[in-house]
Amino acid sequence: FISYCRMSAHVARRALRAVKSSSSSSSFSFRPSTLFTSPRAALGLATKPGSYARGSIPFLSRRAGASRGHSTSAVPFNPLARYSELLESHPLSTKAVSAALIAAGGDVNCQYIITPSGSTFSWDSSRTFRFGFLGFVLIAPCTHFWYGWLASTFPGTGALAIAKRVAFDQLVYAPTFIPAFFMSVKLLEGTPLQQSADDLIEQFPDIYKTNLLVWIPASSINFAFVPVKFMVLFGNVVGLFWNTYLSYVSNSMDKEEGKPKDEEEKKKLV
């Protein structure tokens, strides 16, 4: 309150001087900005260079109003723009967090879909945590550096450059990453190393063929139209729907054959 009174007195003195000066001149031009040439001095505060623009009043600014919860005419919050800023300032950590959330969300969706009709959905939180953990420490770092290497090694958006990226992605990266991810899942589940290796040898051909059917067109779109910083996010979203689709197909096949599979076989399909 005292600060407001000081400011009001300061404004009044400025206005009185302006009126007195106008009486001695033939022309008078009133400029309101001149009343507020030193607002910090009017409030009895120490002047700090660069604190705000000359002639402005801090508590009337949009930023100050927004900080107090008042409605302003500022630009609405844009989540995609904010995410893009985080990708510029913290690329790897941002991709890791988004990959973890998408992987965990995809696993919850998969578990829900493979739940038999008429049964109560039972959420396996430890499995969801494992998928989220692998998304954070394995999927995001690998794809981040891999996509960066592809973009720098085969620059451009021409057909030849995209074809080279897709070829390297499916012939070099996929045969390496799929076993790494598969073995990580098995080991985190507590499966012995030898049994995990045997399961990988048995299931890898089918997994890789499905990978080619899904990821060749998805990678072509990713490399042709998606900026490099968003490629990991695009791949995670496609992976979410891919895992969900595989779970749905396996569950539909079980119903058609009339021979429901046990939970262990369903987990292998996912």
C-alpha atoms as a PDB file:
ATOM      1  CA  PHE A   1       0.000   0.000   0.000  1.00  0.00           C
ATOM      2  CA  ILE A   2       2.803   2.423   0.877  1.00  0.00           C
ATOM      3  CA  SER A   3       4.491   1.636  -2.459  1.00  0.00           C
ATOM      4  CA  TYR A   4       1.277   2.456  -4.321  1.00  0.00           C
ATOM      5  CA  CYS A   5       0.972   5.756  -2.455  1.00  0.00           C
ATOM      6  CA  ARG A   6       4.537   6.680  -3.361  1.00  0.00           C
ATOM      7  CA  MET A   7       3.925   5.908  -6.986  1.00  0.00           C
ATOM      8  CA  SER A   8       0.691   7.915  -7.016  1.00  0.00           C
ATOM      9  CA  ALA A   9       2.469  10.908  -5.513  1.00  0.00           C
ATOM     10  CA  HIS A  10       5.223  10.601  -8.090  1.00  0.00           C
ATOM     11  CA  VAL A  11       2.669  10.530 -10.952  1.00  0.00           C
ATOM     12  CA  ALA A  12       0.821  13.508  -9.503  1.00  0.00           C
ATOM     13  CA  ARG A  13       4.016  15.573  -9.304  1.00  0.00           C
ATOM     14  CA  ARG A  14       4.885  14.716 -12.896  1.00  0.00           C
ATOM     15  CA  ALA A  15       1.412  15.696 -14.080  1.00  0.00           C
ATOM     16  CA  LEU A  16       1.547  19.015 -12.179  1.00  0.00           C
ATOM     17  CA  ARG A  17       4.887  19.887 -13.753  1.00  0.00           C
ATOM     18  CA  ALA A  18       3.543  19.052 -17.200  1.00  0.00           C
ATOM     19  CA  VAL A  19       0.519  21.307 -16.684  1.00  0.00           C
ATOM     20  CA  LYS A  20       2.693  24.176 -15.413  1.00  0.00           C
ATOM     21  CA  SER A  21       5.053  23.889 -18.347  1.00  0.00           C
ATOM     22  CA  SER A  22       2.127  23.896 -20.792  1.00  0.00           C
ATOM     23  CA  SER A  23       0.867  27.223 -19.441  1.00  0.00           C
ATOM     24  CA  SER A  24       4.129  28.931 -20.464  1.00  0.00           C
ATOM     25  CA  SER A  25       4.254  27.426 -23.981  1.00  0.00           C
ATOM     26  CA  SER A  26       1.962  27.951 -26.961  1.00  0.00           C
ATOM     27  CA  SER A  27       1.880  24.290 -27.944  1.00  0.00           C
ATOM     28  CA  PHE A  28       1.362  21.454 -25.583  1.00  0.00           C
ATOM     29  CA  SER A  29       1.809  17.749 -26.268  1.00  0.00           C
ATOM     30  CA  PHE A  30       1.004  15.389 -23.438  1.00  0.00           C
ATOM     31  CA  ARG A  31       2.934  12.106 -23.369  1.00  0.00           C
ATOM     32  CA  PRO A  32       1.716   9.675 -20.690  1.00  0.00           C
ATOM     33  CA  SER A  33       4.951   7.685 -20.901  1.00  0.00           C
ATOM     34  CA  THR A  34       6.832  10.621 -19.390  1.00  0.00           C
ATOM     35  CA  LEU A  35       4.944  10.139 -16.152  1.00  0.00           C
ATOM     36  CA  PHE A  36       6.620   6.779 -15.608  1.00  0.00           C
ATOM     37  CA  THR A  37      10.235   7.422 -16.525  1.00  0.00           C
ATOM     38  CA  SER A  38      11.471   5.987 -13.244  1.00  0.00           C
ATOM     39  CA  PRO A  39       8.951   3.571 -11.743  1.00  0.00           C
ATOM     40  CA  ARG A  40      11.401   1.884  -9.387  1.00  0.00           C
ATOM     41  CA  ALA A  41      12.321   5.281  -7.917  1.00  0.00           C
ATOM     42  CA  ALA A  42       8.589   6.038  -7.496  1.00  0.00           C
ATOM     43  CA  LEU A  43       8.161   2.801  -5.548  1.00  0.00           C
ATOM     44  CA  GLY A  44      11.198   3.522  -3.399  1.00  0.00           C
ATOM     45  CA  LEU A  45      13.090   0.523  -4.805  1.00  0.00           C
ATOM     46  CA  ALA A  46      16.736   0.270  -5.844  1.00  0.00           C
ATOM     47  CA  THR A  47      17.211   0.566  -9.557  1.00  0.00           C
ATOM     48  CA  LYS A  48      18.708  -2.550 -11.224  1.00  0.00           C
ATOM     49  CA  PRO A  49      20.005  -2.114 -14.772  1.00  0.00           C
ATOM     50  CA  GLY A  50      18.195  -4.297 -17.240  1.00  0.00           C
ATOM     51  CA  SER A  51      15.460  -5.301 -14.817  1.00  0.00           C
ATOM     52  CA  TYR A  52      12.726  -4.051 -17.178  1.00  0.00           C
ATOM     53  CA  ALA A  53      12.141  -1.529 -19.917  1.00  0.00           C
ATOM     54  CA  ARG A  54      12.134   2.173 -19.140  1.00  0.00           C
ATOM     55  CA  GLY A  55       8.610   3.495 -18.776  1.00  0.00           C
ATOM     56  CA  SER A  56       7.047   0.152 -17.810  1.00  0.00           C
ATOM     57  CA  ILE A  57       5.303  -0.795 -14.580  1.00  0.00           C
ATOM     58  CA  PRO A  58       6.234  -4.292 -13.386  1.00  0.00           C
ATOM     59  CA  PHE A  59       3.005  -5.231 -11.615  1.00  0.00           C
ATOM     60  CA  LEU A  60       0.948  -4.261 -14.683  1.00  0.00           C
ATOM     61  CA  SER A  61       2.905  -6.447 -17.105  1.00  0.00           C
ATOM     62  CA  ARG A  62       1.430  -9.605 -18.612  1.00  0.00           C
ATOM     63  CA  ARG A  63       4.131 -11.743 -17.051  1.00  0.00           C
ATOM     64  CA  ALA A  64       3.354 -10.453 -13.584  1.00  0.00           C
ATOM     65  CA  GLY A  65      -0.363 -10.981 -14.089  1.00  0.00           C
ATOM     66  CA  ALA A  66       0.224 -14.515 -15.296  1.00  0.00           C
ATOM     67  CA  SER A  67       2.400 -15.289 -12.287  1.00  0.00           C
ATOM     68  CA  ARG A  68      -0.495 -14.317 -10.008  1.00  0.00           C
ATOM     69  CA  GLY A  69      -2.981 -16.530 -11.850  1.00  0.00           C
ATOM     70  CA  HIS A  70      -4.790 -13.714 -13.655  1.00  0.00           C
ATOM     71  CA  SER A  71      -6.010 -14.195 -17.216  1.00  0.00           C
ATOM     72  CA  THR A  72      -3.810 -12.631 -19.880  1.00  0.00           C
ATOM     73  CA  SER A  73      -3.820 -12.306 -23.639  1.00  0.00           C
ATOM     74  CA  ALA A  74      -0.591 -14.320 -23.988  1.00  0.00           C
ATOM     75  CA  VAL A  75      -0.212 -17.029 -26.606  1.00  0.00           C
ATOM     76  CA  PRO A  76      -1.823 -20.319 -25.451  1.00  0.00           C
ATOM     77  CA  PHE A  77       0.453 -23.127 -24.320  1.00  0.00           C
ATOM     78  CA  ASN A  78       1.565 -25.341 -27.222  1.00  0.00           C
ATOM     79  CA  PRO A  79       2.634 -28.834 -26.065  1.00  0.00           C
ATOM     80  CA  LEU A  80       4.303 -29.712 -29.370  1.00  0.00           C
ATOM     81  CA  ALA A  81       6.283 -26.470 -29.388  1.00  0.00           C
ATOM     82  CA  ARG A  82       7.365 -27.072 -25.792  1.00  0.00           C
ATOM     83  CA  TYR A  83       8.379 -30.643 -26.645  1.00  0.00           C
ATOM     84  CA  SER A  84      10.377 -29.336 -29.596  1.00  0.00           C
ATOM     85  CA  GLU A  85      12.179 -26.883 -27.295  1.00  0.00           C
ATOM     86  CA  LEU A  86      13.059 -29.722 -24.922  1.00  0.00           C
ATOM     87  CA  LEU A  87      14.386 -31.768 -27.829  1.00  0.00           C
ATOM     88  CA  GLU A  88      16.692 -28.867 -28.673  1.00  0.00           C
ATOM     89  CA  SER A  89      17.895 -28.280 -25.105  1.00  0.00           C
ATOM     90  CA  HIS A  90      17.863 -31.872 -23.726  1.00  0.00           C
ATOM     91  CA  PRO A  91      17.527 -34.218 -26.721  1.00  0.00           C
ATOM     92  CA  LEU A  92      18.524 -37.561 -25.212  1.00  0.00           C
ATOM     93  CA  SER A  93      16.755 -37.227 -21.855  1.00  0.00           C
ATOM     94  CA  THR A  94      13.559 -35.980 -23.516  1.00  0.00           C
ATOM     95  CA  LYS A  95      13.532 -38.914 -25.934  1.00  0.00           C
ATOM     96  CA  ALA A  96      14.274 -41.328 -23.086  1.00  0.00           C
ATOM     97  CA  VAL A  97      11.336 -40.127 -20.980  1.00  0.00           C
ATOM     98  CA  SER A  98       8.909 -40.147 -23.919  1.00  0.00           C
ATOM     99  CA  ALA A  99      10.113 -43.625 -24.992  1.00  0.00           C
ATOM    100  CA  ALA A 100       9.613 -44.951 -21.461  1.00  0.00           C
ATOM    101  CA  LEU A 101       6.079 -43.559 -21.224  1.00  0.00           C
ATOM    102  CA  ILE A 102       5.109 -44.858 -24.673  1.00  0.00           C
ATOM    103  CA  ALA A 103       6.593 -48.312 -24.051  1.00  0.00           C
ATOM    104  CA  ALA A 104       4.857 -48.596 -20.689  1.00  0.00           C
ATOM    105  CA  GLY A 105       1.562 -47.379 -22.124  1.00  0.00           C
ATOM    106  CA  GLY A 106       1.823 -49.824 -25.009  1.00  0.00           C
ATOM    107  CA  ASP A 107       2.372 -52.718 -22.626  1.00  0.00           C
ATOM    108  CA  VAL A 108      -0.696 -51.792 -20.577  1.00  0.00           C
ATOM    109  CA  ASN A 109      -2.722 -51.691 -23.791  1.00  0.00           C
ATOM    110  CA  CYS A 110      -1.338 -55.083 -24.842  1.00  0.00           C
ATOM    111  CA  GLN A 111      -2.201 -56.650 -21.504  1.00  0.00           C
ATOM    112  CA  TYR A 112      -5.733 -55.320 -21.738  1.00  0.00           C
ATOM    113  CA  ILE A 113      -6.269 -56.653 -25.257  1.00  0.00           C
ATOM    114  CA  ILE A 114      -5.024 -60.185 -24.565  1.00  0.00           C
ATOM    115  CA  THR A 115      -7.291 -60.483 -21.514  1.00  0.00           C
ATOM    116  CA  PRO A 116      -9.945 -63.089 -22.438  1.00  0.00           C
ATOM    117  CA  SER A 117     -13.465 -61.765 -22.842  1.00  0.00           C
ATOM    118  CA  GLY A 118     -15.524 -62.147 -19.688  1.00  0.00           C
ATOM    119  CA  SER A 119     -12.439 -62.137 -17.478  1.00  0.00           C
ATOM    120  CA  THR A 120     -11.381 -59.372 -15.147  1.00  0.00           C
ATOM    121  CA  PHE A 121      -8.407 -57.368 -16.344  1.00  0.00           C
ATOM    122  CA  SER A 122      -5.408 -57.977 -14.090  1.00  0.00           C
ATOM    123  CA  TRP A 123      -2.604 -55.500 -14.612  1.00  0.00           C
ATOM    124  CA  ASP A 124       0.945 -56.855 -14.359  1.00  0.00           C
ATOM    125  CA  SER A 125       2.663 -53.703 -13.113  1.00  0.00           C
ATOM    126  CA  SER A 126       6.117 -55.309 -12.947  1.00  0.00           C
ATOM    127  CA  ARG A 127       5.947 -56.179 -16.645  1.00  0.00           C
ATOM    128  CA  THR A 128       4.899 -52.619 -17.483  1.00  0.00           C
ATOM    129  CA  PHE A 129       7.803 -51.300 -15.433  1.00  0.00           C
ATOM    130  CA  ARG A 130      10.209 -53.555 -17.348  1.00  0.00           C
ATOM    131  CA  PHE A 131       9.004 -52.251 -20.691  1.00  0.00           C
ATOM    132  CA  GLY A 132       9.200 -48.657 -19.493  1.00  0.00           C
ATOM    133  CA  PHE A 133      12.679 -49.231 -18.109  1.00  0.00           C
ATOM    134  CA  LEU A 134      13.887 -50.685 -21.419  1.00  0.00           C
ATOM    135  CA  GLY A 135      12.333 -47.784 -23.275  1.00  0.00           C
ATOM    136  CA  PHE A 136      14.348 -45.392 -21.108  1.00  0.00           C
ATOM    137  CA  VAL A 137      17.752 -47.139 -21.045  1.00  0.00           C
ATOM    138  CA  LEU A 138      17.752 -49.130 -24.307  1.00  0.00           C
ATOM    139  CA  ILE A 139      15.259 -48.025 -26.970  1.00  0.00           C
ATOM    140  CA  ALA A 140      15.718 -44.257 -26.757  1.00  0.00           C
ATOM    141  CA  PRO A 141      19.545 -44.145 -26.577  1.00  0.00           C
ATOM    142  CA  CYS A 142      20.003 -46.700 -29.367  1.00  0.00           C
ATOM    143  CA  THR A 143      17.532 -45.101 -31.761  1.00  0.00           C
ATOM    144  CA  HIS A 144      18.764 -41.598 -30.919  1.00  0.00           C
ATOM    145  CA  PHE A 145      22.346 -42.288 -31.943  1.00  0.00           C
ATOM    146  CA  TRP A 146      21.366 -44.628 -34.775  1.00  0.00           C
ATOM    147  CA  TYR A 147      19.037 -42.117 -36.472  1.00  0.00           C
ATOM    148  CA  GLY A 148      21.642 -39.406 -36.009  1.00  0.00           C
ATOM    149  CA  TRP A 149      24.282 -41.576 -37.662  1.00  0.00           C
ATOM    150  CA  LEU A 150      21.966 -42.425 -40.566  1.00  0.00           C
ATOM    151  CA  ALA A 151      21.113 -38.754 -41.128  1.00  0.00           C
ATOM    152  CA  SER A 152      24.773 -37.710 -41.169  1.00  0.00           C
ATOM    153  CA  THR A 153      25.962 -40.662 -43.271  1.00  0.00           C
ATOM    154  CA  PHE A 154      23.159 -40.538 -45.858  1.00  0.00           C
ATOM    155  CA  PRO A 155      21.996 -36.894 -45.880  1.00  0.00           C
ATOM    156  CA  GLY A 156      19.146 -35.619 -47.988  1.00  0.00           C
ATOM    157  CA  THR A 157      15.550 -36.611 -48.659  1.00  0.00           C
ATOM    158  CA  GLY A 158      16.024 -38.075 -52.115  1.00  0.00           C
ATOM    159  CA  ALA A 159      14.846 -41.546 -53.027  1.00  0.00           C
ATOM    160  CA  LEU A 160      18.368 -42.985 -53.045  1.00  0.00           C
ATOM    161  CA  ALA A 161      19.259 -41.565 -49.621  1.00  0.00           C
ATOM    162  CA  ILE A 162      15.999 -42.842 -48.091  1.00  0.00           C
ATOM    163  CA  ALA A 163      16.505 -46.276 -49.662  1.00  0.00           C
ATOM    164  CA  LYS A 164      20.001 -46.495 -48.171  1.00  0.00           C
ATOM    165  CA  ARG A 165      18.719 -45.534 -44.723  1.00  0.00           C
ATOM    166  CA  VAL A 166      15.913 -48.094 -44.843  1.00  0.00           C
ATOM    167  CA  ALA A 167      18.295 -50.793 -46.068  1.00  0.00           C
ATOM    168  CA  PHE A 168      20.820 -50.142 -43.299  1.00  0.00           C
ATOM    169  CA  ASP A 169      18.026 -49.873 -40.750  1.00  0.00           C
ATOM    170  CA  GLN A 170      16.518 -53.260 -41.622  1.00  0.00           C
ATOM    171  CA  LEU A 171      19.676 -55.190 -42.561  1.00  0.00           C
ATOM    172  CA  VAL A 172      22.035 -53.875 -39.856  1.00  0.00           C
ATOM    173  CA  TYR A 173      20.106 -52.283 -36.990  1.00  0.00           C
ATOM    174  CA  ALA A 174      17.023 -54.523 -36.757  1.00  0.00           C
ATOM    175  CA  PRO A 175      18.913 -57.883 -36.661  1.00  0.00           C
ATOM    176  CA  THR A 176      21.068 -56.427 -33.883  1.00  0.00           C
ATOM    177  CA  PHE A 177      18.481 -54.560 -31.845  1.00  0.00           C
ATOM    178  CA  ILE A 178      15.765 -57.256 -31.834  1.00  0.00           C
ATOM    179  CA  PRO A 179      17.967 -59.867 -30.072  1.00  0.00           C
ATOM    180  CA  ALA A 180      19.231 -57.221 -27.625  1.00  0.00           C
ATOM    181  CA  PHE A 181      15.700 -56.161 -26.720  1.00  0.00           C
ATOM    182  CA  PHE A 182      14.387 -59.735 -26.593  1.00  0.00           C
ATOM    183  CA  MET A 183      17.190 -60.939 -24.334  1.00  0.00           C
ATOM    184  CA  SER A 184      16.801 -57.895 -22.087  1.00  0.00           C
ATOM    185  CA  VAL A 185      13.108 -58.627 -21.601  1.00  0.00           C
ATOM    186  CA  LYS A 186      13.771 -62.270 -20.823  1.00  0.00           C
ATOM    187  CA  LEU A 187      16.576 -61.585 -18.386  1.00  0.00           C
ATOM    188  CA  LEU A 188      14.539 -58.931 -16.568  1.00  0.00           C
ATOM    189  CA  GLU A 189      11.744 -61.490 -16.239  1.00  0.00           C
ATOM    190  CA  GLY A 190      14.181 -63.829 -14.506  1.00  0.00           C
ATOM    191  CA  THR A 191      14.459 -66.345 -17.346  1.00  0.00           C
ATOM    192  CA  PRO A 192      17.770 -68.258 -17.367  1.00  0.00           C
ATOM    193  CA  LEU A 193      20.277 -67.183 -19.975  1.00  0.00           C
ATOM    194  CA  GLN A 194      20.301 -70.482 -21.900  1.00  0.00           C
ATOM    195  CA  GLN A 195      16.525 -70.677 -22.036  1.00  0.00           C
ATOM    196  CA  SER A 196      16.361 -67.042 -23.187  1.00  0.00           C
ATOM    197  CA  ALA A 197      18.816 -67.819 -25.996  1.00  0.00           C
ATOM    198  CA  ASP A 198      16.811 -70.883 -27.052  1.00  0.00           C
ATOM    199  CA  ASP A 199      13.582 -68.851 -27.121  1.00  0.00           C
ATOM    200  CA  LEU A 200      15.305 -66.183 -29.214  1.00  0.00           C
ATOM    201  CA  ILE A 201      16.538 -68.726 -31.768  1.00  0.00           C
ATOM    202  CA  GLU A 202      13.060 -70.205 -32.019  1.00  0.00           C
ATOM    203  CA  GLN A 203      11.119 -66.955 -32.354  1.00  0.00           C
ATOM    204  CA  PHE A 204      13.549 -64.677 -34.167  1.00  0.00           C
ATOM    205  CA  PRO A 205      12.558 -65.671 -37.765  1.00  0.00           C
ATOM    206  CA  ASP A 206       8.872 -64.871 -37.224  1.00  0.00           C
ATOM    207  CA  ILE A 207       9.658 -61.674 -35.314  1.00  0.00           C
ATOM    208  CA  TYR A 208      12.041 -60.471 -38.013  1.00  0.00           C
ATOM    209  CA  LYS A 209       9.604 -61.194 -40.864  1.00  0.00           C
ATOM    210  CA  THR A 210       6.884 -59.254 -39.065  1.00  0.00           C
ATOM    211  CA  ASN A 211       9.404 -56.479 -38.423  1.00  0.00           C
ATOM    212  CA  LEU A 212      10.116 -56.203 -42.166  1.00  0.00           C
ATOM    213  CA  LEU A 213       6.414 -55.996 -43.022  1.00  0.00           C
ATOM    214  CA  VAL A 214       5.771 -53.224 -40.511  1.00  0.00           C
ATOM    215  CA  TRP A 215       8.978 -51.219 -40.356  1.00  0.00           C
ATOM    216  CA  ILE A 216       9.988 -50.949 -44.012  1.00  0.00           C
ATOM    217  CA  PRO A 217       7.001 -48.675 -44.849  1.00  0.00           C
ATOM    218  CA  ALA A 218       7.145 -47.010 -41.418  1.00  0.00           C
ATOM    219  CA  SER A 219      10.864 -46.276 -41.742  1.00  0.00           C
ATOM    220  CA  SER A 220      10.374 -44.961 -45.271  1.00  0.00           C
ATOM    221  CA  ILE A 221       7.828 -42.442 -43.990  1.00  0.00           C
ATOM    222  CA  ASN A 222      10.027 -41.626 -41.001  1.00  0.00           C
ATOM    223  CA  PHE A 223      13.153 -40.929 -43.057  1.00  0.00           C
ATOM    224  CA  ALA A 224      11.325 -39.069 -45.820  1.00  0.00           C
ATOM    225  CA  PHE A 225       9.029 -36.723 -43.913  1.00  0.00           C
ATOM    226  CA  VAL A 226       9.901 -36.629 -40.192  1.00  0.00           C
ATOM    227  CA  PRO A 227      12.622 -34.257 -38.866  1.00  0.00           C
ATOM    228  CA  VAL A 228      15.563 -36.034 -37.270  1.00  0.00           C
ATOM    229  CA  LYS A 229      14.734 -34.832 -33.748  1.00  0.00           C
ATOM    230  CA  PHE A 230      11.213 -36.331 -33.998  1.00  0.00           C
ATOM    231  CA  MET A 231      12.254 -39.682 -35.533  1.00  0.00           C
ATOM    232  CA  VAL A 232      12.571 -41.459 -32.190  1.00  0.00           C
ATOM    233  CA  LEU A 233       9.110 -40.267 -31.139  1.00  0.00           C
ATOM    234  CA  PHE A 234       7.613 -41.422 -34.442  1.00  0.00           C
ATOM    235  CA  GLY A 235       9.279 -44.830 -34.072  1.00  0.00           C
ATOM    236  CA  ASN A 236       7.993 -45.195 -30.510  1.00  0.00           C
ATOM    237  CA  VAL A 237       4.423 -44.406 -31.566  1.00  0.00           C
ATOM    238  CA  VAL A 238       4.574 -46.926 -34.421  1.00  0.00           C
ATOM    239  CA  GLY A 239       6.039 -49.472 -32.017  1.00  0.00           C
ATOM    240  CA  LEU A 240       3.171 -48.909 -29.596  1.00  0.00           C
ATOM    241  CA  PHE A 241       0.547 -49.687 -32.250  1.00  0.00           C
ATOM    242  CA  TRP A 242       2.627 -52.560 -33.627  1.00  0.00           C
ATOM    243  CA  ASN A 243       2.795 -54.327 -30.253  1.00  0.00           C
ATOM    244  CA  THR A 244      -0.896 -53.697 -29.649  1.00  0.00           C
ATOM    245  CA  TYR A 245      -1.783 -55.080 -33.078  1.00  0.00           C
ATOM    246  CA  LEU A 246       0.287 -58.248 -32.522  1.00  0.00           C
ATOM    247  CA  SER A 247      -1.485 -58.835 -29.211  1.00  0.00           C
ATOM    248  CA  TYR A 248      -4.892 -58.365 -30.841  1.00  0.00           C
ATOM    249  CA  VAL A 249      -4.088 -60.737 -33.720  1.00  0.00           C
ATOM    250  CA  SER A 250      -2.805 -63.449 -31.414  1.00  0.00           C
ATOM    251  CA  ASN A 251      -5.915 -63.175 -29.226  1.00  0.00           C
ATOM    252  CA  SER A 252      -8.203 -63.300 -32.285  1.00  0.00           C
ATOM    253  CA  MET A 253      -6.429 -66.414 -33.563  1.00  0.00           C
ATOM    254  CA  ASP A 254      -6.925 -68.097 -30.212  1.00  0.00           C
ATOM    255  CA  LYS A 255     -10.674 -67.468 -30.389  1.00  0.00           C
ATOM    256  CA  GLU A 256     -10.968 -68.701 -33.967  1.00  0.00           C
ATOM    257  CA  GLU A 257      -9.085 -71.945 -33.253  1.00  0.00           C
ATOM    258  CA  GLY A 258     -10.995 -72.491 -30.017  1.00  0.00           C
ATOM    259  CA  LYS A 259      -7.789 -73.388 -28.225  1.00  0.00           C
ATOM    260  CA  PRO A 260      -6.839 -70.641 -25.813  1.00  0.00           C
ATOM    261  CA  LYS A 261      -3.105 -70.303 -25.223  1.00  0.00           C
ATOM    262  CA  ASP A 262      -1.578 -70.063 -21.807  1.00  0.00           C
ATOM    263  CA  GLU A 263      -0.290 -66.819 -20.410  1.00  0.00           C
ATOM    264  CA  GLU A 264       3.351 -67.683 -21.150  1.00  0.00           C
ATOM    265  CA  GLU A 265       2.661 -68.111 -24.885  1.00  0.00           C
ATOM    266  CA  LYS A 266       0.751 -64.850 -24.960  1.00  0.00           C
ATOM    267  CA  LYS A 267       3.660 -63.025 -23.371  1.00  0.00           C
ATOM    268  CA  LYS A 268       6.008 -64.460 -26.002  1.00  0.00           C
ATOM    269  CA  LEU A 269       3.758 -63.209 -28.793  1.00  0.00           C
ATOM    270  CA  VAL A 270       3.687 -59.722 -27.286  1.00  0.00           C
END
